[in-house]
Every structure is written in structure tokens, then in C-alpha cells.
Amino acid sequence: MKLFNLLLNIIWLLFCGIWMALGYLVAALICFILIVTIPFGIASLRIAGFVLWPFGRTAVERPDAGAGSFLGNVIWVIFAGWWLALAHLVTSIPLFLSIIGIPFGWANLKLIPISLMPLGREVVSTDQGFGSRY
């Protein structure tokens, strides 16, 4: 399974990952320049790393996330999250139309929840299992 994930990640990186990660990196840079939005920049960097190498990893909620994360996510959805999620959804449609692109379409859909609400989440390896988190 690890070899399969590696192969999928390399193909993803070449055709989708680099371009999508660059978009998240630009958003992070803008957030860092505006200073007040640095937490959003950090979240955008987290997503960029996930977008570069999505297979074999997943996003889970942090147990210590509280009201601040919720409020930040509401602000994020209004200004950035909805169009990022829409972009992932629209990008997944042509991928699903080809048999080879189906895993990459699923990867795009897997990125929608973290693109909508990145604060209070972390990216973990799927090898870790969920028993230790929940």
C-alpha cells in the first residue's frame, strides 16, 4: 500500500499538487504580510503541505481546538474557504470522468473539509490509525 501511495503522490505532485500548493502558498504569503491574519497563513501552509502529498495522509480535528478555532473558521469560510472548496469540487469533476483520474478526483474531494475549516485540524498519516485520536 505504501508503494501505491508513493506512486499516486508522485503522479499527483506532477499534475495537480504543485499548482494547487502554489495557490495555498500565495495565500499564506498574503496572510503573513497582513500580520493580523498570520494564523490563517499558518493554516494555509498546513493545507499546502497536505495538497503536495495527500495519499496516505488525512486531516483530523485536534482535541484541543476551541471557540477560537471555530470563530477563525467562520471568518476563513467567508473570505477564502468557500471558493477553495468550490475549486476542489470543480477540479474533481474532470478527474472523475477518466478512469485513471478517479483516485485524484477523490483526493480533491478529501481536501474540501480542510479547505473549508483549516483551524483546529492537523494532518496525520493514515498509518497511525484513528484509535489513538478518538
N, C-alpha and C. Protein backbone atom coordinates (compact mmCIF):
# COMPACT_ATOMS: atom_id res chain seq x y z
N MET A 1 0.82 -1.20 0.00
CA MET A 1 0.00 0.00 0.00
C MET A 1 0.87 1.26 0.00
N LYS A 2 1.99 1.22 0.71
CA LYS A 2 2.86 2.40 0.75
C LYS A 2 3.43 2.70 -0.63
N LEU A 3 3.76 1.65 -1.38
CA LEU A 3 4.29 1.84 -2.73
C LEU A 3 3.22 2.45 -3.64
N PHE A 4 1.99 1.98 -3.50
CA PHE A 4 0.87 2.52 -4.28
C PHE A 4 0.65 3.99 -3.93
N ASN A 5 0.67 4.33 -2.63
CA ASN A 5 0.52 5.73 -2.21
C ASN A 5 1.65 6.59 -2.76
N LEU A 6 2.87 6.05 -2.76
CA LEU A 6 4.01 6.79 -3.30
C LEU A 6 3.81 7.08 -4.78
N LEU A 7 3.38 6.08 -5.53
CA LEU A 7 3.14 6.26 -6.96
C LEU A 7 2.05 7.30 -7.20
N LEU A 8 0.93 7.19 -6.47
CA LEU A 8 -0.15 8.16 -6.61
C LEU A 8 0.31 9.58 -6.24
N ASN A 9 1.10 9.70 -5.18
CA ASN A 9 1.58 11.01 -4.76
C ASN A 9 2.50 11.63 -5.79
N ILE A 10 3.35 10.82 -6.42
CA ILE A 10 4.26 11.36 -7.45
C ILE A 10 3.47 11.86 -8.65
N ILE A 11 2.50 11.06 -9.10
CA ILE A 11 1.67 11.49 -10.23
C ILE A 11 0.87 12.74 -9.86
N TRP A 12 0.28 12.72 -8.65
CA TRP A 12 -0.48 13.88 -8.16
C TRP A 12 0.39 15.13 -8.12
N LEU A 13 1.61 14.98 -7.60
CA LEU A 13 2.53 16.11 -7.46
C LEU A 13 2.81 16.75 -8.81
N LEU A 14 3.05 15.93 -9.82
CA LEU A 14 3.39 16.44 -11.14
C LEU A 14 2.22 17.13 -11.84
N PHE A 15 1.01 16.57 -11.68
CA PHE A 15 -0.11 17.08 -12.45
C PHE A 15 -1.04 18.02 -11.67
N CYS A 16 -1.13 17.88 -10.38
CA CYS A 16 -2.08 18.69 -9.60
C CYS A 16 -1.41 19.39 -8.41
N GLY A 17 -0.63 18.65 -7.67
CA GLY A 17 -0.14 19.09 -6.37
C GLY A 17 0.66 20.37 -6.37
N ILE A 18 1.59 20.49 -7.30
CA ILE A 18 2.46 21.68 -7.31
C ILE A 18 1.63 22.93 -7.54
N TRP A 19 0.72 22.87 -8.50
CA TRP A 19 -0.08 24.06 -8.84
C TRP A 19 -1.02 24.45 -7.71
N MET A 20 -1.63 23.45 -7.11
CA MET A 20 -2.56 23.74 -6.02
C MET A 20 -1.80 24.25 -4.79
N ALA A 21 -0.67 23.65 -4.51
CA ALA A 21 0.14 24.09 -3.36
C ALA A 21 0.64 25.51 -3.56
N LEU A 22 1.00 25.87 -4.78
CA LEU A 22 1.44 27.25 -5.05
C LEU A 22 0.34 28.25 -4.72
N GLY A 23 -0.90 27.90 -5.04
CA GLY A 23 -2.02 28.78 -4.69
C GLY A 23 -2.15 28.97 -3.19
N TYR A 24 -2.02 27.88 -2.44
CA TYR A 24 -2.08 27.98 -0.98
C TYR A 24 -0.87 28.73 -0.43
N LEU A 25 0.29 28.59 -1.06
CA LEU A 25 1.48 29.34 -0.61
C LEU A 25 1.32 30.83 -0.85
N VAL A 26 0.73 31.22 -1.96
CA VAL A 26 0.47 32.63 -2.22
C VAL A 26 -0.50 33.18 -1.18
N ALA A 27 -1.55 32.41 -0.88
CA ALA A 27 -2.50 32.84 0.15
C ALA A 27 -1.80 32.99 1.50
N ALA A 28 -0.90 32.06 1.83
CA ALA A 28 -0.15 32.14 3.09
C ALA A 28 0.72 33.39 3.12
N LEU A 29 1.39 33.68 2.02
CA LEU A 29 2.24 34.86 1.96
C LEU A 29 1.43 36.14 2.18
N ILE A 30 0.27 36.23 1.56
CA ILE A 30 -0.60 37.39 1.75
C ILE A 30 -1.02 37.50 3.22
N CYS A 31 -1.36 36.37 3.82
CA CYS A 31 -1.77 36.37 5.23
C CYS A 31 -0.62 36.80 6.14
N PHE A 32 0.60 36.39 5.83
CA PHE A 32 1.75 36.78 6.64
C PHE A 32 2.06 38.27 6.49
N ILE A 33 1.88 38.81 5.31
CA ILE A 33 2.13 40.24 5.08
C ILE A 33 1.13 41.08 5.86
N LEU A 34 -0.11 40.64 5.95
CA LEU A 34 -1.14 41.40 6.65
C LEU A 34 -1.04 41.30 8.18
N ILE A 35 -0.14 40.52 8.69
CA ILE A 35 0.21 40.32 10.10
C ILE A 35 -0.97 39.82 10.96
N VAL A 36 -2.10 40.49 10.93
CA VAL A 36 -3.24 40.09 11.77
C VAL A 36 -3.73 38.70 11.36
N THR A 37 -3.52 38.34 10.11
CA THR A 37 -4.03 37.08 9.57
C THR A 37 -2.98 35.96 9.58
N ILE A 38 -1.94 36.10 10.39
CA ILE A 38 -0.89 35.08 10.45
C ILE A 38 -1.45 33.69 10.79
N PRO A 39 -2.41 33.53 11.71
CA PRO A 39 -2.94 32.18 11.94
C PRO A 39 -3.53 31.54 10.68
N PHE A 40 -4.14 32.37 9.83
CA PHE A 40 -4.67 31.85 8.57
C PHE A 40 -3.53 31.46 7.62
N GLY A 41 -2.44 32.20 7.67
CA GLY A 41 -1.27 31.86 6.87
C GLY A 41 -0.67 30.52 7.28
N ILE A 42 -0.62 30.28 8.58
CA ILE A 42 -0.12 29.00 9.08
C ILE A 42 -1.04 27.87 8.62
N ALA A 43 -2.34 28.09 8.70
CA ALA A 43 -3.30 27.09 8.24
C ALA A 43 -3.14 26.84 6.74
N SER A 44 -2.92 27.90 5.98
CA SER A 44 -2.74 27.76 4.55
C SER A 44 -1.47 26.96 4.23
N LEU A 45 -0.42 27.15 5.00
CA LEU A 45 0.80 26.35 4.82
C LEU A 45 0.54 24.88 5.14
N ARG A 46 -0.24 24.62 6.17
CA ARG A 46 -0.60 23.24 6.53
C ARG A 46 -1.34 22.58 5.36
N ILE A 47 -2.27 23.31 4.77
CA ILE A 47 -3.01 22.77 3.63
C ILE A 47 -2.09 22.57 2.44
N ALA A 48 -1.17 23.51 2.22
CA ALA A 48 -0.24 23.38 1.09
C ALA A 48 0.57 22.10 1.20
N GLY A 49 1.03 21.78 2.40
CA GLY A 49 1.77 20.53 2.61
C GLY A 49 0.90 19.31 2.34
N PHE A 50 -0.35 19.37 2.76
CA PHE A 50 -1.29 18.27 2.55
C PHE A 50 -1.59 18.12 1.06
N VAL A 51 -1.74 19.25 0.36
CA VAL A 51 -2.04 19.24 -1.07
C VAL A 51 -0.86 18.66 -1.86
N LEU A 52 0.35 18.88 -1.40
CA LEU A 52 1.51 18.34 -2.11
C LEU A 52 1.57 16.82 -2.05
N TRP A 53 1.13 16.21 -0.95
CA TRP A 53 1.32 14.78 -0.71
C TRP A 53 0.08 14.23 0.00
N PRO A 54 -1.08 14.13 -0.66
CA PRO A 54 -2.32 13.77 0.04
C PRO A 54 -2.54 12.28 0.31
N PHE A 55 -1.97 11.42 -0.53
CA PHE A 55 -2.25 9.99 -0.39
C PHE A 55 -1.48 9.41 0.79
N GLY A 56 -2.19 8.70 1.64
CA GLY A 56 -1.58 8.13 2.84
C GLY A 56 -1.65 9.07 4.04
N ARG A 57 -2.32 10.20 3.87
CA ARG A 57 -2.50 11.15 4.97
C ARG A 57 -3.94 11.59 5.02
N THR A 58 -4.34 12.08 6.18
CA THR A 58 -5.71 12.57 6.34
C THR A 58 -5.70 13.73 7.34
N ALA A 59 -6.74 14.53 7.31
CA ALA A 59 -6.89 15.65 8.25
C ALA A 59 -7.87 15.24 9.35
N VAL A 60 -7.48 15.47 10.60
CA VAL A 60 -8.36 15.16 11.73
C VAL A 60 -8.48 16.40 12.61
N GLU A 61 -9.56 16.46 13.35
CA GLU A 61 -9.75 17.57 14.28
C GLU A 61 -8.83 17.41 15.49
N ARG A 62 -8.26 18.51 15.93
CA ARG A 62 -7.45 18.49 17.14
C ARG A 62 -8.38 18.51 18.34
N PRO A 63 -8.11 17.68 19.34
CA PRO A 63 -9.00 17.65 20.50
C PRO A 63 -8.96 18.94 21.33
N ASP A 64 -7.89 19.72 21.20
CA ASP A 64 -7.78 20.94 21.99
C ASP A 64 -8.33 22.17 21.25
N ALA A 65 -8.92 21.98 20.07
CA ALA A 65 -9.49 23.10 19.32
C ALA A 65 -10.72 23.62 20.05
N GLY A 66 -10.80 24.93 20.14
CA GLY A 66 -11.92 25.51 20.90
C GLY A 66 -12.65 26.57 20.11
N ALA A 67 -13.18 27.52 20.86
CA ALA A 67 -14.00 28.58 20.27
C ALA A 67 -13.21 29.46 19.32
N GLY A 68 -11.92 29.67 19.61
CA GLY A 68 -11.09 30.48 18.72
C GLY A 68 -10.97 29.86 17.34
N SER A 69 -10.79 28.55 17.31
CA SER A 69 -10.73 27.85 16.02
C SER A 69 -12.05 27.95 15.28
N PHE A 70 -13.14 27.81 16.01
CA PHE A 70 -14.47 27.92 15.39
C PHE A 70 -14.67 29.30 14.78
N LEU A 71 -14.37 30.35 15.55
CA LEU A 71 -14.53 31.72 15.06
C LEU A 71 -13.62 31.97 13.86
N GLY A 72 -12.38 31.52 13.96
CA GLY A 72 -11.45 31.67 12.83
C GLY A 72 -11.94 30.95 11.59
N ASN A 73 -12.52 29.76 11.77
CA ASN A 73 -13.04 29.02 10.63
C ASN A 73 -14.22 29.73 9.98
N VAL A 74 -15.06 30.38 10.78
CA VAL A 74 -16.18 31.15 10.22
C VAL A 74 -15.64 32.28 9.35
N ILE A 75 -14.64 32.98 9.83
CA ILE A 75 -14.02 34.06 9.05
C ILE A 75 -13.37 33.49 7.79
N TRP A 76 -12.66 32.35 7.95
CA TRP A 76 -11.98 31.71 6.82
C TRP A 76 -13.00 31.32 5.73
N VAL A 77 -14.12 30.71 6.12
CA VAL A 77 -15.12 30.28 5.14
C VAL A 77 -15.64 31.47 4.36
N ILE A 78 -15.88 32.59 5.03
CA ILE A 78 -16.42 33.77 4.37
C ILE A 78 -15.44 34.33 3.34
N PHE A 79 -14.15 34.41 3.68
CA PHE A 79 -13.19 35.08 2.81
C PHE A 79 -12.42 34.16 1.88
N ALA A 80 -12.23 32.89 2.23
CA ALA A 80 -11.38 32.03 1.40
C ALA A 80 -11.93 30.62 1.22
N GLY A 81 -12.51 30.07 2.25
CA GLY A 81 -12.85 28.65 2.24
C GLY A 81 -13.83 28.23 1.18
N TRP A 82 -14.86 29.03 0.96
CA TRP A 82 -15.89 28.61 0.02
C TRP A 82 -15.36 28.51 -1.39
N TRP A 83 -14.51 29.47 -1.81
CA TRP A 83 -14.01 29.38 -3.18
C TRP A 83 -12.93 28.33 -3.32
N LEU A 84 -12.18 28.04 -2.24
CA LEU A 84 -11.21 26.94 -2.30
C LEU A 84 -11.92 25.60 -2.42
N ALA A 85 -12.97 25.42 -1.62
CA ALA A 85 -13.74 24.18 -1.68
C ALA A 85 -14.40 24.03 -3.06
N LEU A 86 -14.92 25.12 -3.59
CA LEU A 86 -15.53 25.08 -4.91
C LEU A 86 -14.49 24.72 -5.98
N ALA A 87 -13.29 25.26 -5.85
CA ALA A 87 -12.22 24.93 -6.80
C ALA A 87 -11.86 23.44 -6.73
N HIS A 88 -11.80 22.88 -5.53
CA HIS A 88 -11.52 21.45 -5.40
C HIS A 88 -12.66 20.62 -6.02
N LEU A 89 -13.88 21.05 -5.80
CA LEU A 89 -15.03 20.33 -6.35
C LEU A 89 -15.02 20.38 -7.88
N VAL A 90 -14.83 21.56 -8.44
CA VAL A 90 -14.81 21.72 -9.90
C VAL A 90 -13.64 20.96 -10.51
N THR A 91 -12.50 20.98 -9.87
CA THR A 91 -11.33 20.26 -10.37
C THR A 91 -11.54 18.75 -10.33
N SER A 92 -12.30 18.27 -9.37
CA SER A 92 -12.50 16.83 -9.25
C SER A 92 -13.40 16.27 -10.36
N ILE A 93 -14.29 17.07 -10.90
CA ILE A 93 -15.25 16.58 -11.90
C ILE A 93 -14.56 16.03 -13.14
N PRO A 94 -13.65 16.77 -13.80
CA PRO A 94 -13.00 16.17 -14.97
C PRO A 94 -12.11 14.98 -14.61
N LEU A 95 -11.58 14.97 -13.41
CA LEU A 95 -10.76 13.83 -12.99
C LEU A 95 -11.61 12.57 -12.88
N PHE A 96 -12.83 12.70 -12.39
CA PHE A 96 -13.72 11.55 -12.28
C PHE A 96 -14.17 11.02 -13.64
N LEU A 97 -14.11 11.85 -14.67
CA LEU A 97 -14.55 11.43 -15.99
C LEU A 97 -13.59 10.46 -16.68
N SER A 98 -12.37 10.39 -16.19
CA SER A 98 -11.42 9.42 -16.74
C SER A 98 -11.15 8.36 -15.67
N ILE A 99 -10.98 7.15 -16.10
CA ILE A 99 -10.74 6.05 -15.15
C ILE A 99 -9.44 6.29 -14.38
N ILE A 100 -8.43 6.75 -15.06
CA ILE A 100 -7.13 6.99 -14.42
C ILE A 100 -7.23 8.11 -13.39
N GLY A 101 -8.10 9.08 -13.62
CA GLY A 101 -8.21 10.23 -12.74
C GLY A 101 -9.07 10.04 -11.51
N ILE A 102 -9.76 8.91 -11.38
CA ILE A 102 -10.68 8.71 -10.25
C ILE A 102 -9.99 8.86 -8.89
N PRO A 103 -8.81 8.26 -8.65
CA PRO A 103 -8.17 8.46 -7.34
C PRO A 103 -7.84 9.92 -7.06
N PHE A 104 -7.52 10.65 -8.13
CA PHE A 104 -7.17 12.06 -7.96
C PHE A 104 -8.42 12.92 -7.73
N GLY A 105 -9.53 12.50 -8.30
CA GLY A 105 -10.80 13.16 -8.00
C GLY A 105 -11.17 12.99 -6.54
N TRP A 106 -10.98 11.76 -6.02
CA TRP A 106 -11.25 11.51 -4.59
C TRP A 106 -10.32 12.33 -3.71
N ALA A 107 -9.05 12.45 -4.14
CA ALA A 107 -8.10 13.25 -3.35
C ALA A 107 -8.56 14.70 -3.28
N ASN A 108 -9.08 15.23 -4.38
CA ASN A 108 -9.60 16.59 -4.39
C ASN A 108 -10.78 16.73 -3.44
N LEU A 109 -11.68 15.75 -3.43
CA LEU A 109 -12.82 15.80 -2.52
C LEU A 109 -12.36 15.68 -1.07
N LYS A 110 -11.30 14.91 -0.82
CA LYS A 110 -10.77 14.75 0.53
C LYS A 110 -10.20 16.07 1.07
N LEU A 111 -9.80 16.95 0.16
CA LEU A 111 -9.23 18.24 0.57
C LEU A 111 -10.30 19.29 0.88
N ILE A 112 -11.54 19.05 0.52
CA ILE A 112 -12.60 20.04 0.73
C ILE A 112 -12.82 20.37 2.21
N PRO A 113 -12.94 19.38 3.12
CA PRO A 113 -13.17 19.76 4.52
C PRO A 113 -12.08 20.64 5.13
N ILE A 114 -10.82 20.35 4.84
CA ILE A 114 -9.75 21.17 5.42
C ILE A 114 -9.65 22.52 4.71
N SER A 115 -10.07 22.58 3.44
CA SER A 115 -10.05 23.88 2.77
C SER A 115 -11.17 24.78 3.28
N LEU A 116 -12.24 24.17 3.78
CA LEU A 116 -13.34 24.95 4.36
C LEU A 116 -13.04 25.38 5.79
N MET A 117 -12.49 24.47 6.60
CA MET A 117 -12.26 24.75 8.02
C MET A 117 -10.88 24.22 8.44
N PRO A 118 -9.82 24.99 8.18
CA PRO A 118 -8.48 24.50 8.46
C PRO A 118 -8.01 24.67 9.91
N LEU A 119 -8.62 25.59 10.64
CA LEU A 119 -8.16 25.84 12.00
C LEU A 119 -8.70 24.77 12.94
N GLY A 120 -7.86 24.29 13.83
CA GLY A 120 -8.26 23.24 14.76
C GLY A 120 -8.15 21.86 14.14
N ARG A 121 -7.41 21.75 13.05
CA ARG A 121 -7.18 20.46 12.40
C ARG A 121 -5.69 20.24 12.23
N GLU A 122 -5.34 18.97 12.11
CA GLU A 122 -3.96 18.62 11.81
C GLU A 122 -3.95 17.48 10.80
N VAL A 123 -2.87 17.39 10.06
CA VAL A 123 -2.72 16.36 9.05
C VAL A 123 -1.88 15.24 9.65
N VAL A 124 -2.41 14.01 9.59
CA VAL A 124 -1.72 12.86 10.15
C VAL A 124 -1.65 11.76 9.11
N SER A 125 -0.72 10.85 9.32
CA SER A 125 -0.59 9.69 8.45
C SER A 125 -1.74 8.73 8.70
N THR A 126 -2.26 8.14 7.65
CA THR A 126 -3.32 7.15 7.83
C THR A 126 -2.78 5.87 8.45
N ASP A 127 -1.46 5.70 8.46
CA ASP A 127 -0.84 4.54 9.10
C ASP A 127 -0.98 4.60 10.62
N GLN A 128 -1.12 5.81 11.17
CA GLN A 128 -1.25 5.96 12.61
C GLN A 128 -2.56 5.39 13.12
N GLY A 129 -3.52 5.32 12.26
CA GLY A 129 -4.84 4.82 12.68
C GLY A 129 -5.58 5.88 13.46
N PHE A 130 -6.85 5.64 13.66
CA PHE A 130 -7.68 6.61 14.36
C PHE A 130 -7.89 6.22 15.82
N GLY A 131 -7.43 5.04 16.22
CA GLY A 131 -7.63 4.60 17.59
C GLY A 131 -6.94 5.48 18.61
N SER A 132 -5.80 6.05 18.23
CA SER A 132 -5.08 6.91 19.18
C SER A 132 -5.69 8.30 19.26
N ARG A 133 -6.47 8.71 18.26
CA ARG A 133 -7.03 10.06 18.23
C ARG A 133 -8.40 10.10 18.88
N TYR A 134 -9.18 9.03 18.79
CA TYR A 134 -10.57 9.07 19.23
C TYR A 134 -10.85 7.91 20.15
